[in-house]
Protein backbone atom coordinates (compact mmCIF):
# COMPACT_ATOMS: atom_id res chain seq x y z
CA MET A 1 54.20 -34.97 -129.75
CA ALA A 2 51.91 -32.89 -131.92
CA LYS A 3 52.10 -31.88 -135.11
CA VAL A 4 54.45 -29.57 -136.74
CA GLY A 5 52.11 -27.80 -138.06
CA THR A 6 49.39 -26.66 -135.54
CA VAL A 7 52.06 -25.31 -133.06
CA GLU A 8 53.64 -22.96 -135.72
CA THR A 9 50.37 -21.96 -136.73
CA ASN A 10 49.38 -20.93 -133.03
CA GLU A 11 52.90 -19.43 -133.52
CA ARG A 12 51.76 -17.23 -135.83
CA ARG A 13 49.07 -16.47 -133.49
CA ARG A 14 50.54 -15.58 -130.95
CA LYS A 15 52.23 -12.63 -132.75
CA LEU A 16 49.27 -11.40 -134.85
CA VAL A 17 47.78 -10.44 -131.48
CA GLU A 18 51.31 -8.90 -130.09
CA ARG A 19 51.28 -7.34 -133.15
CA PHE A 20 47.62 -6.13 -132.98
CA ALA A 21 47.02 -6.21 -129.69
CA SER A 22 47.48 -2.25 -129.05
CA ARG A 23 44.91 -1.57 -132.18
CA ARG A 24 42.60 -4.14 -131.08
CA GLU A 25 42.89 -2.11 -127.20
CA THR A 26 42.08 1.13 -128.85
CA LEU A 27 39.27 0.03 -130.92
CA LYS A 28 37.60 -1.69 -127.64
CA THR A 29 37.48 1.01 -125.65
CA ILE A 30 35.91 2.79 -128.01
CA CYS A 31 33.08 0.73 -128.84
CA ASP A 32 32.38 -0.24 -124.94
CA ASP A 33 32.25 4.09 -124.31
CA ARG A 34 29.11 5.01 -124.10
CA SER A 35 29.67 8.68 -123.99
CA LEU A 36 30.53 8.57 -127.85
CA PRO A 37 27.35 8.97 -129.97
CA PRO A 38 26.44 5.48 -131.76
CA GLU A 39 28.16 6.30 -135.22
CA GLU A 40 31.49 6.79 -133.98
CA ARG A 41 30.89 3.08 -131.54
CA PHE A 42 29.89 1.52 -134.70
CA SER A 43 32.50 2.49 -136.94
CA ALA A 44 34.62 1.32 -134.53
CA THR A 45 32.83 -1.98 -134.12
CA LEU A 46 33.24 -2.51 -138.03
CA GLU A 47 37.99 -1.50 -137.77
CA LEU A 48 37.31 -4.36 -135.23
CA ALA A 49 35.66 -6.75 -137.19
CA LYS A 50 37.74 -6.63 -140.61
CA LEU A 51 41.28 -6.78 -137.71
CA PRO A 52 42.19 -10.21 -138.59
CA ARG A 53 40.66 -13.27 -136.50
CA ASN A 54 43.94 -14.59 -135.41
CA SER A 55 44.96 -11.52 -133.71
CA SER A 56 42.19 -11.96 -131.22
CA LYS A 57 43.78 -13.35 -127.86
CA THR A 58 40.92 -16.03 -127.44
CA ARG A 59 42.53 -18.14 -130.33
CA VAL A 60 45.76 -17.98 -129.17
CA ARG A 61 46.06 -22.50 -127.16
CA ASN A 62 48.00 -23.09 -124.51
CA ARG A 63 50.58 -25.22 -125.78
CA CYS A 64 53.67 -27.33 -123.83
CA ARG A 65 57.44 -25.50 -124.51
CA ILE A 66 58.53 -29.18 -125.42
CA THR A 67 55.93 -31.38 -127.31
CA GLY A 68 52.82 -28.90 -128.19
CA ARG A 69 50.48 -30.73 -126.44
CA PRO A 70 47.53 -28.78 -125.77
CA ARG A 71 45.72 -30.79 -122.66
CA GLY A 72 46.89 -31.06 -119.37
CA TYR A 73 49.08 -27.52 -119.21
CA TYR A 74 50.60 -26.28 -116.68
CA ARG A 75 50.95 -21.99 -116.90
CA LYS A 76 53.67 -22.13 -114.02
CA PHE A 77 56.08 -24.46 -115.88
CA GLN A 78 54.61 -23.54 -119.74
CA ILE A 79 55.20 -27.57 -120.31
CA SER A 80 52.85 -30.11 -119.44
CA ARG A 81 51.94 -32.76 -117.42
CA ILE A 82 53.55 -35.97 -118.52
CA ALA A 83 56.83 -33.23 -119.52
CA LEU A 84 56.99 -32.07 -116.16
CA ARG A 85 56.58 -35.72 -114.76
CA GLU A 86 59.19 -37.12 -117.14
CA LEU A 87 61.99 -33.89 -116.20
CA ALA A 88 61.02 -33.94 -112.87
CA SER A 89 61.49 -37.82 -112.14
CA SER A 90 64.87 -37.08 -113.76
CA ALA A 91 65.43 -34.02 -111.91
CA MET A 92 65.14 -31.66 -114.11
CA LEU A 93 63.33 -28.83 -112.23
CA PRO A 94 65.05 -27.54 -109.54
CA GLY A 95 62.65 -27.81 -106.53
CA VAL A 96 60.68 -29.90 -107.69
CA THR A 97 60.59 -33.97 -106.07
CA LYS A 98 58.65 -36.86 -106.51
CA SER A 99 56.21 -37.69 -104.17
CA SER A 100 56.12 -40.78 -102.26
CA TRP A 101 54.08 -42.06 -99.03
């Protein structure tokens, strides 16, 4: 089980990303547009730098919804490999069976 604080920090980051997503997108398009004057692009870069660092999408870590584990994460189920195995063994995931040969 991961620390509660790290899981909550990650959730706060998710909320910040959601809140600043449109603003970051518009500023990034201005920064990348070569047809605009350099002064305008530079001011957009400065505005982008003023936004919170945790509002960047790359700062969010995929974590297991059950345990908060950051490694061995399956995006399809949004849980870690360990939690997936436990749920599959106890037949809690429909359509998923433990293979044996």
